[in-house]
């Protein structure tokens, strides 16, 4: 799982790029788009959608911030 802070709002997505499994949490973040460090595939961290093909997505997880603690909801 990769956690991103965009102007104080947190987003969590699957850390594994759908292209070749690169670690998205290690990619460069520009605005709301993270680029996979392996091959440059770009993902919107707010929706999980691929920037070039919005029908292709990585999983997104709801994030809750309570009293300064960050919680990520993981479906069972």
Protein backbone atom coordinates (compact mmCIF):
# COMPACT_ATOMS: atom_id res chain seq x y z
CA UNK A 1 0.00 0.00 0.00
CA UNK A 2 1.20 3.50 -0.81
CA UNK A 3 0.03 6.52 1.21
CA UNK A 4 0.10 10.03 -0.25
CA UNK A 5 -0.47 13.45 1.35
CA UNK A 6 -1.98 16.01 -1.00
CA UNK A 7 -2.28 19.36 0.74
CA UNK A 8 -3.17 17.71 4.06
CA UNK A 9 -5.57 15.16 2.59
CA UNK A 10 -4.44 11.53 2.54
CA UNK A 11 -4.96 8.92 -0.17
CA UNK A 12 -4.02 5.24 -0.18
CA UNK A 13 -3.61 3.08 -3.27
CA UNK A 14 -2.17 -0.32 -4.05
CA UNK A 15 1.62 0.00 -4.02
CA UNK A 16 2.01 -2.34 -7.01
CA UNK A 17 1.91 -0.84 -10.50
CA UNK A 18 -0.42 -2.81 -12.80
CA UNK A 19 2.18 -2.68 -15.59
CA UNK A 20 5.15 -4.62 -14.18
CA UNK A 21 4.71 -4.47 -10.42
CA UNK A 22 6.81 -1.40 -9.67
CA UNK A 23 6.54 0.23 -6.21
CA UNK A 24 4.23 3.23 -6.66
CA UNK A 25 5.07 4.57 -3.20
CA UNK A 26 8.61 5.21 -4.45
CA UNK A 27 7.45 7.13 -7.53
CA UNK A 28 7.53 10.86 -8.16
CA UNK A 29 4.31 12.69 -7.26
CA UNK A 30 3.26 15.69 -9.34
CA UNK A 31 -0.08 17.11 -8.27
CA UNK A 32 -2.29 14.09 -7.86
CA UNK A 33 -0.37 11.90 -10.35
CA UNK A 34 2.31 9.44 -9.24
CA UNK A 35 4.72 7.99 -11.82
CA UNK A 36 5.91 4.42 -11.35
CA UNK A 37 9.69 4.54 -10.83
CA UNK A 38 10.26 1.50 -13.07
CA UNK A 39 8.61 2.41 -16.38
CA UNK A 40 6.85 5.73 -15.81
CA UNK A 41 3.24 4.54 -15.88
CA UNK A 42 1.19 7.32 -14.25
CA UNK A 43 -1.65 6.89 -11.76
CA UNK A 44 -4.13 9.30 -10.17
CA UNK A 45 -3.74 8.74 -6.43
CA UNK A 46 -7.25 10.11 -5.75
CA UNK A 47 -9.01 7.54 -7.97
CA UNK A 48 -6.46 4.83 -8.76
CA UNK A 49 -7.02 5.43 -12.50
CA UNK A 50 -4.22 5.24 -15.02
CA UNK A 51 -3.53 8.72 -16.42
CA UNK A 52 -3.49 7.47 -20.03
CA UNK A 53 -6.20 4.80 -19.77
CA UNK A 54 -8.74 5.66 -17.02
CA UNK A 55 -10.38 2.24 -17.41
CA UNK A 56 -7.24 0.66 -15.97
CA UNK A 57 -7.04 1.12 -12.20
CA UNK A 58 -5.11 0.13 -9.11
CA UNK A 59 -7.03 -0.38 -5.88
CA UNK A 60 -7.86 2.63 -3.68
CA UNK A 61 -8.48 2.45 0.05
CA UNK A 62 -10.46 4.90 2.23
CA UNK A 63 -8.31 6.92 4.63
CA UNK A 64 -9.53 8.34 7.95
CA UNK A 65 -7.59 10.80 10.09
CA UNK A 66 -8.60 10.94 13.77
CA UNK A 67 -6.75 12.88 16.45
CA UNK A 68 -3.62 13.00 14.31
CA UNK A 69 -3.61 9.25 13.61
CA UNK A 70 -4.03 7.90 10.08
CA UNK A 71 -6.18 4.82 9.49
CA UNK A 72 -6.60 3.01 6.19
CA UNK A 73 -9.69 0.85 5.67
CA UNK A 74 -8.81 -2.46 4.05
CA UNK A 75 -11.72 -4.51 2.72
CA UNK A 76 -11.97 -8.10 3.90
